[in-house]
Amino acid sequence: MKDYQFSFVFADTYRQFRTANCWEMFPETLSVLQELQRRDIDVVVTSDFDQGLVNILQEYGLFTPDDIASSLIKEVITSYEEGVAKPELLKLVKEKWDITAHAGDSFERDVIGLRG
């Protein structure tokens, strides 16, 4: 594959990766977020992803930054936006939000990082 072909394929793949087309929500996601909202529990998404995550969550109708009061997700905080990765990113989140529950996919970066 020539360099220009690789660049084209990479750019197209990256563009697609930042859309909801490449992701699938768990079937219970919407009902769980609606129940948390009903109970006045704010949900903040923190990720080592880039700003494409905001687009994905908006495409699924989970994050509506123009109407935070009715948005199922109140804020999206990414490493890309903040310039730091987990676990340092979690320390920034702890300064802003009262965290009562946390879910992650990395014990080292998510659990230990949150305790730090």
PDB file of N, CA and C in Angstrom:
ATOM      1  N   MET A   1       0.848  -1.172   0.000  1.00  0.00           N
ATOM      2  CA  MET A   1       0.000   0.000   0.000  1.00  0.00           C
ATOM      3  C   MET A   1       0.898   1.241   0.000  1.00  0.00           C
ATOM      4  N   LYS A   2       0.590   2.157  -0.858  1.00  0.00           N
ATOM      5  CA  LYS A   2       1.366   3.390  -0.962  1.00  0.00           C
ATOM      6  C   LYS A   2       0.980   4.334   0.175  1.00  0.00           C
ATOM      7  N   ASP A   3       1.879   5.262   0.500  1.00  0.00           N
ATOM      8  CA  ASP A   3       1.650   6.200   1.602  1.00  0.00           C
ATOM      9  C   ASP A   3       0.345   6.970   1.453  1.00  0.00           C
ATOM     10  N   TYR A   4       0.058   7.455   0.249  1.00  0.00           N
ATOM     11  CA  TYR A   4      -1.166   8.247   0.078  1.00  0.00           C
ATOM     12  C   TYR A   4      -2.408   7.379   0.270  1.00  0.00           C
ATOM     13  N   GLN A   5      -2.331   6.085  -0.111  1.00  0.00           N
ATOM     14  CA  GLN A   5      -3.465   5.188   0.100  1.00  0.00           C
ATOM     15  C   GLN A   5      -3.672   4.922   1.591  1.00  0.00           C
ATOM     16  N   PHE A   6      -2.559   4.715   2.298  1.00  0.00           N
ATOM     17  CA  PHE A   6      -2.645   4.493   3.736  1.00  0.00           C
ATOM     18  C   PHE A   6      -3.245   5.715   4.421  1.00  0.00           C
ATOM     19  N   SER A   7      -2.805   6.888   4.048  1.00  0.00           N
ATOM     20  CA  SER A   7      -3.326   8.114   4.648  1.00  0.00           C
ATOM     21  C   SER A   7      -4.824   8.239   4.438  1.00  0.00           C
ATOM     22  N   PHE A   8      -5.290   7.905   3.248  1.00  0.00           N
ATOM     23  CA  PHE A   8      -6.714   7.981   2.942  1.00  0.00           C
ATOM     24  C   PHE A   8      -7.499   6.976   3.787  1.00  0.00           C
ATOM     25  N   VAL A   9      -7.005   5.731   3.840  1.00  0.00           N
ATOM     26  CA  VAL A   9      -7.680   4.680   4.604  1.00  0.00           C
ATOM     27  C   VAL A   9      -7.696   5.043   6.090  1.00  0.00           C
ATOM     28  N   PHE A  10      -6.577   5.525   6.604  1.00  0.00           N
ATOM     29  CA  PHE A  10      -6.503   5.906   8.020  1.00  0.00           C
ATOM     30  C   PHE A  10      -7.482   7.035   8.321  1.00  0.00           C
ATOM     31  N   ALA A  11      -7.492   8.064   7.497  1.00  0.00           N
ATOM     32  CA  ALA A  11      -8.379   9.213   7.722  1.00  0.00           C
ATOM     33  C   ALA A  11      -9.840   8.783   7.695  1.00  0.00           C
ATOM     34  N   ASP A  12     -10.201   7.936   6.763  1.00  0.00           N
ATOM     35  CA  ASP A  12     -11.585   7.475   6.664  1.00  0.00           C
ATOM     36  C   ASP A  12     -11.955   6.606   7.866  1.00  0.00           C
ATOM     37  N   THR A  13     -11.063   5.724   8.278  1.00  0.00           N
ATOM     38  CA  THR A  13     -11.310   4.864   9.431  1.00  0.00           C
ATOM     39  C   THR A  13     -11.463   5.701  10.693  1.00  0.00           C
ATOM     40  N   TYR A  14     -10.596   6.668  10.875  1.00  0.00           N
ATOM     41  CA  TYR A  14     -10.649   7.535  12.051  1.00  0.00           C
ATOM     42  C   TYR A  14     -11.949   8.342  12.066  1.00  0.00           C
ATOM     43  N   ARG A  15     -12.362   8.830  10.923  1.00  0.00           N
ATOM     44  CA  ARG A  15     -13.611   9.602  10.824  1.00  0.00           C
ATOM     45  C   ARG A  15     -14.800   8.723  11.215  1.00  0.00           C
ATOM     46  N   GLN A  16     -14.826   7.494  10.718  1.00  0.00           N
ATOM     47  CA  GLN A  16     -15.911   6.573  11.040  1.00  0.00           C
ATOM     48  C   GLN A  16     -15.916   6.183  12.525  1.00  0.00           C
ATOM     49  N   PHE A  17     -14.729   6.015  13.094  1.00  0.00           N
ATOM     50  CA  PHE A  17     -14.571   5.630  14.498  1.00  0.00           C
ATOM     51  C   PHE A  17     -15.191   6.668  15.426  1.00  0.00           C
ATOM     52  N   ARG A  18     -15.258   7.902  14.969  1.00  0.00           N
ATOM     53  CA  ARG A  18     -15.789   9.001  15.777  1.00  0.00           C
ATOM     54  C   ARG A  18     -17.283   9.214  15.565  1.00  0.00           C
ATOM     55  N   THR A  19     -17.973   8.236  14.998  1.00  0.00           N
ATOM     56  CA  THR A  19     -19.418   8.318  14.805  1.00  0.00           C
ATOM     57  C   THR A  19     -20.085   7.127  15.498  1.00  0.00           C
ATOM     58  N   ALA A  20     -21.377   7.242  15.717  1.00  0.00           N
ATOM     59  CA  ALA A  20     -22.124   6.166  16.378  1.00  0.00           C
ATOM     60  C   ALA A  20     -22.201   4.905  15.519  1.00  0.00           C
ATOM     61  N   ASN A  21     -21.888   5.010  14.222  1.00  0.00           N
ATOM     62  CA  ASN A  21     -21.930   3.844  13.331  1.00  0.00           C
ATOM     63  C   ASN A  21     -21.007   2.714  13.783  1.00  0.00           C
ATOM     64  N   CYS A  22     -19.939   3.043  14.486  1.00  0.00           N
ATOM     65  CA  CYS A  22     -18.954   2.039  14.893  1.00  0.00           C
ATOM     66  C   CYS A  22     -19.144   1.554  16.329  1.00  0.00           C
ATOM     67  N   TRP A  23     -20.185   2.017  16.972  1.00  0.00           N
ATOM     68  CA  TRP A  23     -20.395   1.689  18.377  1.00  0.00           C
ATOM     69  C   TRP A  23     -21.805   1.154  18.577  1.00  0.00           C
ATOM     70  N   GLU A  24     -21.966   0.355  19.600  1.00  0.00           N
ATOM     71  CA  GLU A  24     -23.277  -0.200  19.907  1.00  0.00           C
ATOM     72  C   GLU A  24     -23.563   0.003  21.393  1.00  0.00           C
ATOM     73  N   MET A  25     -24.733   0.557  21.685  1.00  0.00           N
ATOM     74  CA  MET A  25     -25.148   0.741  23.066  1.00  0.00           C
ATOM     75  C   MET A  25     -25.692  -0.570  23.613  1.00  0.00           C
ATOM     76  N   PHE A  26     -25.449  -0.815  24.887  1.00  0.00           N
ATOM     77  CA  PHE A  26     -26.099  -1.950  25.541  1.00  0.00           C
ATOM     78  C   PHE A  26     -27.601  -1.674  25.539  1.00  0.00           C
ATOM     79  N   PRO A  27     -28.429  -2.701  25.397  1.00  0.00           N
ATOM     80  CA  PRO A  27     -29.883  -2.497  25.313  1.00  0.00           C
ATOM     81  C   PRO A  27     -30.470  -1.729  26.501  1.00  0.00           C
ATOM     82  N   GLU A  28     -29.893  -1.906  27.688  1.00  0.00           N
ATOM     83  CA  GLU A  28     -30.439  -1.274  28.886  1.00  0.00           C
ATOM     84  C   GLU A  28     -29.909   0.139  29.150  1.00  0.00           C
ATOM     85  N   THR A  29     -29.006   0.620  28.326  1.00  0.00           N
ATOM     86  CA  THR A  29     -28.371   1.916  28.576  1.00  0.00           C
ATOM     87  C   THR A  29     -29.379   3.046  28.736  1.00  0.00           C
ATOM     88  N   LEU A  30     -30.273   3.186  27.800  1.00  0.00           N
ATOM     89  CA  LEU A  30     -31.231   4.291  27.828  1.00  0.00           C
ATOM     90  C   LEU A  30     -32.112   4.233  29.073  1.00  0.00           C
ATOM     91  N   SER A  31     -32.638   3.065  29.399  1.00  0.00           N
ATOM     92  CA  SER A  31     -33.526   2.967  30.563  1.00  0.00           C
ATOM     93  C   SER A  31     -32.771   3.222  31.876  1.00  0.00           C
ATOM     94  N   VAL A  32     -31.532   2.781  31.963  1.00  0.00           N
ATOM     95  CA  VAL A  32     -30.731   3.030  33.174  1.00  0.00           C
ATOM     96  C   VAL A  32     -30.467   4.521  33.326  1.00  0.00           C
ATOM     97  N   LEU A  33     -30.065   5.182  32.244  1.00  0.00           N
ATOM     98  CA  LEU A  33     -29.803   6.623  32.322  1.00  0.00           C
ATOM     99  C   LEU A  33     -31.078   7.406  32.628  1.00  0.00           C
ATOM    100  N   GLN A  34     -32.196   6.988  32.080  1.00  0.00           N
ATOM    101  CA  GLN A  34     -33.469   7.654  32.377  1.00  0.00           C
ATOM    102  C   GLN A  34     -33.848   7.485  33.847  1.00  0.00           C
ATOM    103  N   GLU A  35     -33.601   6.313  34.396  1.00  0.00           N
ATOM    104  CA  GLU A  35     -33.903   6.077  35.811  1.00  0.00           C
ATOM    105  C   GLU A  35     -32.979   6.904  36.706  1.00  0.00           C
ATOM    106  N   LEU A  36     -31.716   7.001  36.367  1.00  0.00           N
ATOM    107  CA  LEU A  36     -30.791   7.833  37.143  1.00  0.00           C
ATOM    108  C   LEU A  36     -31.233   9.296  37.099  1.00  0.00           C
ATOM    109  N   GLN A  37     -31.663   9.755  35.937  1.00  0.00           N
ATOM    110  CA  GLN A  37     -32.154  11.124  35.811  1.00  0.00           C
ATOM    111  C   GLN A  37     -33.410  11.327  36.665  1.00  0.00           C
ATOM    112  N   ARG A  38     -34.311  10.361  36.644  1.00  0.00           N
ATOM    113  CA  ARG A  38     -35.536  10.443  37.439  1.00  0.00           C
ATOM    114  C   ARG A  38     -35.217  10.566  38.923  1.00  0.00           C
ATOM    115  N   ARG A  39     -34.134   9.935  39.348  1.00  0.00           N
ATOM    116  CA  ARG A  39     -33.714   9.981  40.752  1.00  0.00           C
ATOM    117  C   ARG A  39     -32.793  11.176  41.050  1.00  0.00           C
ATOM    118  N   ASP A  40     -32.653  12.088  40.102  1.00  0.00           N
ATOM    119  CA  ASP A  40     -31.788  13.276  40.245  1.00  0.00           C
ATOM    120  C   ASP A  40     -30.324  12.921  40.494  1.00  0.00           C
ATOM    121  N   ILE A  41     -29.854  11.877  39.830  1.00  0.00           N
ATOM    122  CA  ILE A  41     -28.448  11.487  39.903  1.00  0.00           C
ATOM    123  C   ILE A  41     -27.784  11.932  38.608  1.00  0.00           C
ATOM    124  N   ASP A  42     -26.835  12.853  38.720  1.00  0.00           N
ATOM    125  CA  ASP A  42     -26.125  13.356  37.546  1.00  0.00           C
ATOM    126  C   ASP A  42     -25.120  12.328  37.052  1.00  0.00           C
ATOM    127  N   VAL A  43     -25.042  12.179  35.739  1.00  0.00           N
ATOM    128  CA  VAL A  43     -24.093  11.262  35.116  1.00  0.00           C
ATOM    129  C   VAL A  43     -23.076  12.095  34.337  1.00  0.00           C
ATOM    130  N   VAL A  44     -21.804  11.859  34.637  1.00  0.00           N
ATOM    131  CA  VAL A  44     -20.694  12.509  33.946  1.00  0.00           C
ATOM    132  C   VAL A  44     -19.855  11.418  33.308  1.00  0.00           C
ATOM    133  N   VAL A  45     -19.553  11.555  32.032  1.00  0.00           N
ATOM    134  CA  VAL A  45     -18.716  10.585  31.336  1.00  0.00           C
ATOM    135  C   VAL A  45     -17.297  11.137  31.280  1.00  0.00           C
ATOM    136  N   THR A  46     -16.358  10.327  31.745  1.00  0.00           N
ATOM    137  CA  THR A  46     -14.946  10.678  31.729  1.00  0.00           C
ATOM    138  C   THR A  46     -14.227   9.622  30.906  1.00  0.00           C
ATOM    139  N   SER A  47     -13.410  10.058  29.939  1.00  0.00           N
ATOM    140  CA  SER A  47     -12.799   9.074  29.054  1.00  0.00           C
ATOM    141  C   SER A  47     -11.455   9.550  28.515  1.00  0.00           C
ATOM    142  N   ASP A  48     -10.613   8.588  28.191  1.00  0.00           N
ATOM    143  CA  ASP A  48      -9.361   8.876  27.494  1.00  0.00           C
ATOM    144  C   ASP A  48      -9.584   9.018  25.998  1.00  0.00           C
ATOM    145  N   PHE A  49     -10.818   9.095  25.580  1.00  0.00           N
ATOM    146  CA  PHE A  49     -11.204   9.285  24.182  1.00  0.00           C
ATOM    147  C   PHE A  49     -10.974  10.748  23.783  1.00  0.00           C
ATOM    148  N   ASP A  50     -11.157  11.051  22.509  1.00  0.00           N
ATOM    149  CA  ASP A  50     -11.073  12.448  22.069  1.00  0.00           C
ATOM    150  C   ASP A  50     -12.482  13.034  21.960  1.00  0.00           C
ATOM    151  N   GLN A  51     -12.617  14.197  21.357  1.00  0.00           N
ATOM    152  CA  GLN A  51     -13.905  14.871  21.269  1.00  0.00           C
ATOM    153  C   GLN A  51     -14.922  14.114  20.424  1.00  0.00           C
ATOM    154  N   GLY A  52     -14.505  13.098  19.704  1.00  0.00           N
ATOM    155  CA  GLY A  52     -15.441  12.268  18.963  1.00  0.00           C
ATOM    156  C   GLY A  52     -16.471  11.621  19.879  1.00  0.00           C
ATOM    157  N   LEU A  53     -16.104  11.428  21.139  1.00  0.00           N
ATOM    158  CA  LEU A  53     -17.029  10.840  22.096  1.00  0.00           C
ATOM    159  C   LEU A  53     -18.270  11.705  22.266  1.00  0.00           C
ATOM    160  N   VAL A  54     -18.095  13.009  22.281  1.00  0.00           N
ATOM    161  CA  VAL A  54     -19.230  13.929  22.396  1.00  0.00           C
ATOM    162  C   VAL A  54     -20.186  13.707  21.220  1.00  0.00           C
ATOM    163  N   ASN A  55     -19.625  13.600  20.020  1.00  0.00           N
ATOM    164  CA  ASN A  55     -20.456  13.370  18.827  1.00  0.00           C
ATOM    165  C   ASN A  55     -21.229  12.060  18.930  1.00  0.00           C
ATOM    166  N   ILE A  56     -20.565  11.015  19.384  1.00  0.00           N
ATOM    167  CA  ILE A  56     -21.199   9.701  19.506  1.00  0.00           C
ATOM    168  C   ILE A  56     -22.359   9.755  20.498  1.00  0.00           C
ATOM    169  N   LEU A  57     -22.115  10.352  21.648  1.00  0.00           N
ATOM    170  CA  LEU A  57     -23.155  10.436  22.671  1.00  0.00           C
ATOM    171  C   LEU A  57     -24.322  11.312  22.211  1.00  0.00           C
ATOM    172  N   GLN A  58     -24.016  12.343  21.438  1.00  0.00           N
ATOM    173  CA  GLN A  58     -25.080  13.176  20.880  1.00  0.00           C
ATOM    174  C   GLN A  58     -25.890  12.405  19.839  1.00  0.00           C
ATOM    175  N   GLU A  59     -25.218  11.646  18.981  1.00  0.00           N
ATOM    176  CA  GLU A  59     -25.918  10.863  17.966  1.00  0.00           C
ATOM    177  C   GLU A  59     -26.881   9.853  18.606  1.00  0.00           C
ATOM    178  N   TYR A  60     -26.504   9.306  19.754  1.00  0.00           N
ATOM    179  CA  TYR A  60     -27.371   8.371  20.470  1.00  0.00           C
ATOM    180  C   TYR A  60     -28.443   9.090  21.289  1.00  0.00           C
ATOM    181  N   GLY A  61     -28.378  10.411  21.364  1.00  0.00           N
ATOM    182  CA  GLY A  61     -29.363  11.184  22.118  1.00  0.00           C
ATOM    183  C   GLY A  61     -29.150  11.156  23.618  1.00  0.00           C
ATOM    184  N   LEU A  62     -27.954  10.798  24.043  1.00  0.00           N
ATOM    185  CA  LEU A  62     -27.659  10.705  25.467  1.00  0.00           C
ATOM    186  C   LEU A  62     -27.113  12.007  26.042  1.00  0.00           C
ATOM    187  N   PHE A  63     -26.502  12.813  25.198  1.00  0.00           N
ATOM    188  CA  PHE A  63     -25.884  14.062  25.647  1.00  0.00           C
ATOM    189  C   PHE A  63     -26.379  15.198  24.769  1.00  0.00           C
ATOM    190  N   THR A  64     -27.040  16.156  25.405  1.00  0.00           N
ATOM    191  CA  THR A  64     -27.556  17.321  24.682  1.00  0.00           C
ATOM    192  C   THR A  64     -27.007  18.581  25.349  1.00  0.00           C
ATOM    193  N   PRO A  65     -25.806  19.016  24.944  1.00  0.00           N
ATOM    194  CA  PRO A  65     -25.168  20.156  25.615  1.00  0.00           C
ATOM    195  C   PRO A  65     -25.962  21.450  25.517  1.00  0.00           C
ATOM    196  N   ASP A  66     -26.845  21.571  24.535  1.00  0.00           N
ATOM    197  CA  ASP A  66     -27.665  22.778  24.417  1.00  0.00           C
ATOM    198  C   ASP A  66     -28.843  22.775  25.379  1.00  0.00           C
ATOM    199  N   ASP A  67     -29.099  21.634  26.007  1.00  0.00           N
ATOM    200  CA  ASP A  67     -30.198  21.511  26.953  1.00  0.00           C
ATOM    201  C   ASP A  67     -29.777  20.580  28.094  1.00  0.00           C
ATOM    202  N   ILE A  68     -28.804  21.022  28.883  1.00  0.00           N
ATOM    203  CA  ILE A  68     -28.229  20.192  29.948  1.00  0.00           C
ATOM    204  C   ILE A  68     -29.297  19.753  30.954  1.00  0.00           C
ATOM    205  N   ALA A  69     -30.289  20.590  31.198  1.00  0.00           N
ATOM    206  CA  ALA A  69     -31.324  20.239  32.178  1.00  0.00           C
ATOM    207  C   ALA A  69     -32.020  18.930  31.820  1.00  0.00           C
ATOM    208  N   SER A  70     -32.254  18.676  30.543  1.00  0.00           N
ATOM    209  CA  SER A  70     -32.926  17.428  30.156  1.00  0.00           C
ATOM    210  C   SER A  70     -31.961  16.374  29.628  1.00  0.00           C
ATOM    211  N   SER A  71     -30.686  16.697  29.509  1.00  0.00           N
ATOM    212  CA  SER A  71     -29.698  15.749  29.007  1.00  0.00           C
ATOM    213  C   SER A  71     -29.506  14.595  29.986  1.00  0.00           C
ATOM    214  N   LEU A  72     -29.431  13.372  29.485  1.00  0.00           N
ATOM    215  CA  LEU A  72     -29.205  12.208  30.333  1.00  0.00           C
ATOM    216  C   LEU A  72     -27.783  12.204  30.895  1.00  0.00           C
ATOM    217  N   ILE A  73     -26.853  12.764  30.142  1.00  0.00           N
ATOM    218  CA  ILE A  73     -25.464  12.914  30.586  1.00  0.00           C
ATOM    219  C   ILE A  73     -25.222  14.404  30.770  1.00  0.00           C
ATOM    220  N   LYS A  74     -24.736  14.791  31.928  1.00  0.00           N
ATOM    221  CA  LYS A  74     -24.587  16.211  32.257  1.00  0.00           C
ATOM    222  C   LYS A  74     -23.296  16.826  31.738  1.00  0.00           C
ATOM    223  N   GLU A  75     -22.260  16.012  31.615  1.00  0.00           N
ATOM    224  CA  GLU A  75     -20.982  16.535  31.118  1.00  0.00           C
ATOM    225  C   GLU A  75     -20.158  15.388  30.560  1.00  0.00           C
ATOM    226  N   VAL A  76     -19.357  15.704  29.552  1.00  0.00           N
ATOM    227  CA  VAL A  76     -18.412  14.754  28.979  1.00  0.00           C
ATOM    228  C   VAL A  76     -17.027  15.381  29.122  1.00  0.00           C
ATOM    229  N   ILE A  77     -16.139  14.685  29.817  1.00  0.00           N
ATOM    230  CA  ILE A  77     -14.788  15.192  30.069  1.00  0.00           C
ATOM    231  C   ILE A  77     -13.807  14.201  29.457  1.00  0.00           C
ATOM    232  N   THR A  78     -13.032  14.668  28.485  1.00  0.00           N
ATOM    233  CA  THR A  78     -12.100  13.783  27.787  1.00  0.00           C
ATOM    234  C   THR A  78     -10.646  14.173  28.028  1.00  0.00           C
ATOM    235  N   SER A  79      -9.785  13.200  27.882  1.00  0.00           N
ATOM    236  CA  SER A  79      -8.348  13.451  27.980  1.00  0.00           C
ATOM    237  C   SER A  79      -7.905  14.446  26.924  1.00  0.00           C
ATOM    238  N   TYR A  80      -8.482  14.323  25.751  1.00  0.00           N
ATOM    239  CA  TYR A  80      -8.144  15.229  24.653  1.00  0.00           C
ATOM    240  C   TYR A  80      -8.414  16.676  25.042  1.00  0.00           C
ATOM    241  N   GLU A  81      -9.571  16.899  25.628  1.00  0.00           N
ATOM    242  CA  GLU A  81      -9.992  18.249  26.002  1.00  0.00           C
ATOM    243  C   GLU A  81      -9.148  18.803  27.160  1.00  0.00           C
ATOM    244  N   GLU A  82      -8.857  17.958  28.151  1.00  0.00           N
ATOM    245  CA  GLU A  82      -8.155  18.403  29.353  1.00  0.00           C
ATOM    246  C   GLU A  82      -6.634  18.332  29.239  1.00  0.00           C
ATOM    247  N   GLY A  83      -6.142  17.571  28.273  1.00  0.00           N
ATOM    248  CA  GLY A  83      -4.695  17.475  28.081  1.00  0.00           C
ATOM    249  C   GLY A  83      -3.992  16.539  29.048  1.00  0.00           C
ATOM    250  N   VAL A  84      -4.757  15.704  29.754  1.00  0.00           N
ATOM    251  CA  VAL A  84      -4.176  14.699  30.660  1.00  0.00           C
ATOM    252  C   VAL A  84      -4.976  13.406  30.518  1.00  0.00           C
ATOM    253  N   ALA A  85      -4.313  12.297  30.802  1.00  0.00           N
ATOM    254  CA  ALA A  85      -4.967  10.986  30.721  1.00  0.00           C
ATOM    255  C   ALA A  85      -5.292  10.495  32.129  1.00  0.00           C
ATOM    256  N   LYS A  86      -6.073   9.417  32.196  1.00  0.00           N
ATOM    257  CA  LYS A  86      -6.327   8.779  33.485  1.00  0.00           C
ATOM    258  C   LYS A  86      -5.001   8.248  34.021  1.00  0.00           C
ATOM    259  N   PRO A  87      -4.740   8.283  35.273  1.00  0.00           N
ATOM    260  CA  PRO A  87      -5.635   8.643  36.362  1.00  0.00           C
ATOM    261  C   PRO A  87      -5.683  10.146  36.672  1.00  0.00           C
ATOM    262  N   GLU A  88      -4.786  10.946  36.087  1.00  0.00           N
ATOM    263  CA  GLU A  88      -4.786  12.385  36.375  1.00  0.00           C
ATOM    264  C   GLU A  88      -6.114  13.035  35.990  1.00  0.00           C
ATOM    265  N   LEU A  89      -6.733  12.555  34.915  1.00  0.00           N
ATOM    266  CA  LEU A  89      -8.022  13.087  34.482  1.00  0.00           C
ATOM    267  C   LEU A  89      -9.075  12.918  35.575  1.00  0.00           C
ATOM    268  N   LEU A  90      -9.052  11.781  36.259  1.00  0.00           N
ATOM    269  CA  LEU A  90     -10.026  11.526  37.319  1.00  0.00           C
ATOM    270  C   LEU A  90      -9.837  12.485  38.493  1.00  0.00           C
ATOM    271  N   LYS A  91      -8.616  12.879  38.746  1.00  0.00           N
ATOM    272  CA  LYS A  91      -8.361  13.848  39.823  1.00  0.00           C
ATOM    273  C   LYS A  91      -9.003  15.193  39.501  1.00  0.00           C
ATOM    274  N   LEU A  92      -8.978  15.592  38.241  1.00  0.00           N
ATOM    275  CA  LEU A  92      -9.646  16.827  37.826  1.00  0.00           C
ATOM    276  C   LEU A  92     -11.160  16.710  38.001  1.00  0.00           C
ATOM    277  N   VAL A  93     -11.693  15.555  37.658  1.00  0.00           N
ATOM    278  CA  VAL A  93     -13.136  15.338  37.778  1.00  0.00           C
ATOM    279  C   VAL A  93     -13.557  15.391  39.245  1.00  0.00           C
ATOM    280  N   LYS A  94     -12.760  14.793  40.123  1.00  0.00           N
ATOM    281  CA  LYS A  94     -13.075  14.796  41.555  1.00  0.00           C
ATOM    282  C   LYS A  94     -13.136  16.210  42.118  1.00  0.00           C
ATOM    283  N   GLU A  95     -12.360  17.122  41.556  1.00  0.00           N
ATOM    284  CA  GLU A  95     -12.376  18.514  42.020  1.00  0.00           C
ATOM    285  C   GLU A  95     -13.695  19.199  41.677  1.00  0.00           C
ATOM    286  N   LYS A  96     -14.336  18.772  40.616  1.00  0.00           N
ATOM    287  CA  LYS A  96     -15.549  19.427  40.126  1.00  0.00           C
ATOM    288  C   LYS A  96     -16.838  18.717  40.534  1.00  0.00           C
ATOM    289  N   TRP A  97     -16.810  17.387  40.608  1.00  0.00           N
ATOM    290  CA  TRP A  97     -18.023  16.607  40.839  1.00  0.00           C
ATOM    291  C   TRP A  97     -17.899  15.771  42.106  1.00  0.00           C
ATOM    292  N   ASP A  98     -19.016  15.615  42.809  1.00  0.00           N
ATOM    293  CA  ASP A  98     -19.085  14.715  43.954  1.00  0.00           C
ATOM    294  C   ASP A  98     -19.358  13.322  43.398  1.00  0.00           C
ATOM    295  N   ILE A  99     -18.369  12.468  43.400  1.00  0.00           N
ATOM    296  CA  ILE A  99     -18.498  11.148  42.791  1.00  0.00           C
ATOM    297  C   ILE A  99     -19.021  10.161  43.823  1.00  0.00           C
ATOM    298  N   THR A 100     -20.192   9.602  43.537  1.00  0.00           N
ATOM    299  CA  THR A 100     -20.784   8.617  44.440  1.00  0.00           C
ATOM    300  C   THR A 100     -20.674   7.205  43.875  1.00  0.00           C
ATOM    301  N   ALA A 101     -20.515   7.084  42.570  1.00  0.00           N
ATOM    302  CA  ALA A 101     -20.335   5.780  41.931  1.00  0.00           C
ATOM    303  C   ALA A 101     -19.455   5.981  40.708  1.00  0.00           C
ATOM    304  N   HIS A 102     -18.730   4.952  40.374  1.00  0.00           N
ATOM    305  CA  HIS A 102     -17.797   5.056  39.255  1.00  0.00           C
ATOM    306  C   HIS A 102     -17.691   3.694  38.573  1.00  0.00           C
ATOM    307  N   ALA A 103     -17.704   3.687  37.246  1.00  0.00           N
ATOM    308  CA  ALA A 103     -17.503   2.451  36.487  1.00  0.00           C
ATOM    309  C   ALA A 103     -16.340   2.665  35.536  1.00  0.00           C
ATOM    310  N   GLY A 104     -15.511   1.675  35.396  1.00  0.00           N
ATOM    311  CA  GLY A 104     -14.373   1.789  34.501  1.00  0.00           C
ATOM    312  C   GLY A 104     -13.993   0.434  33.935  1.00  0.00           C
ATOM    313  N   ASP A 105     -13.023   0.454  33.035  1.00  0.00           N
ATOM    314  CA  ASP A 105     -12.588  -0.807  32.432  1.00  0.00           C
ATOM    315  C   ASP A 105     -11.138  -1.137  32.776  1.00  0.00           C
ATOM    316  N   SER A 106     -10.510  -0.318  33.602  1.00  0.00           N
ATOM    317  CA  SER A 106      -9.127  -0.562  33.985  1.00  0.00           C
ATOM    318  C   SER A 106      -8.980  -0.370  35.498  1.00  0.00           C
ATOM    319  N   PHE A 107      -8.693  -1.446  36.199  1.00  0.00           N
ATOM    320  CA  PHE A 107      -8.518  -1.343  37.652  1.00  0.00           C
ATOM    321  C   PHE A 107      -7.420  -0.341  37.992  1.00  0.00           C
ATOM    322  N   GLU A 108      -6.322  -0.446  37.287  1.00  0.00           N
ATOM    323  CA  GLU A 108      -5.162   0.418  37.550  1.00  0.00           C
ATOM    324  C   GLU A 108      -5.491   1.897  37.335  1.00  0.00           C
ATOM    325  N   ARG A 109      -6.045   2.234  36.167  1.00  0.00           N
ATOM    326  CA  ARG A 109      -6.274   3.646  35.827  1.00  0.00           C
ATOM    327  C   ARG A 109      -7.574   4.192  36.390  1.00  0.00           C
ATOM    328  N   ASP A 110      -8.590   3.362  36.513  1.00  0.00           N
ATOM    329  CA  ASP A 110      -9.899   3.840  36.947  1.00  0.00           C
ATOM    330  C   ASP A 110     -10.122   3.745  38.461  1.00  0.00           C
ATOM    331  N   VAL A 111      -9.866   2.596  39.025  1.00  0.00           N
ATOM    332  CA  VAL A 111     -10.131   2.411  40.460  1.00  0.00           C
ATOM    333  C   VAL A 111      -9.028   3.038  41.300  1.00  0.00           C
ATOM    334  N   ILE A 112      -7.795   2.623  41.064  1.00  0.00           N
ATOM    335  CA  ILE A 112      -6.686   3.179  41.834  1.00  0.00           C
ATOM    336  C   ILE A 112      -6.537   4.672  41.537  1.00  0.00           C
ATOM    337  N   GLY A 113      -6.731   5.052  40.291  1.00  0.00           N
ATOM    338  CA  GLY A 113      -6.643   6.456  39.910  1.00  0.00           C
ATOM    339  C   GLY A 113      -7.661   7.316  40.619  1.00  0.00           C
ATOM    340  N   LEU A 114      -8.853   6.819  40.811  1.00  0.00           N
ATOM    341  CA  LEU A 114      -9.906   7.574  41.483  1.00  0.00           C
ATOM    342  C   LEU A 114      -9.619   7.710  42.969  1.00  0.00           C
ATOM    343  N   ARG A 115      -8.996   6.709  43.542  1.00  0.00           N
ATOM    344  CA  ARG A 115      -8.660   6.754  44.978  1.00  0.00           C
ATOM    345  C   ARG A 115      -7.504   7.707  45.254  1.00  0.00           C
ATOM    346  N   GLY A 116      -6.667   7.928  44.243  1.00  0.00           N
ATOM    347  CA  GLY A 116      -5.438   8.694  44.415  1.00  0.00           C
ATOM    348  C   GLY A 116      -5.567  10.107  44.808  1.00  0.00           C
TER     349      GLY A 116
END
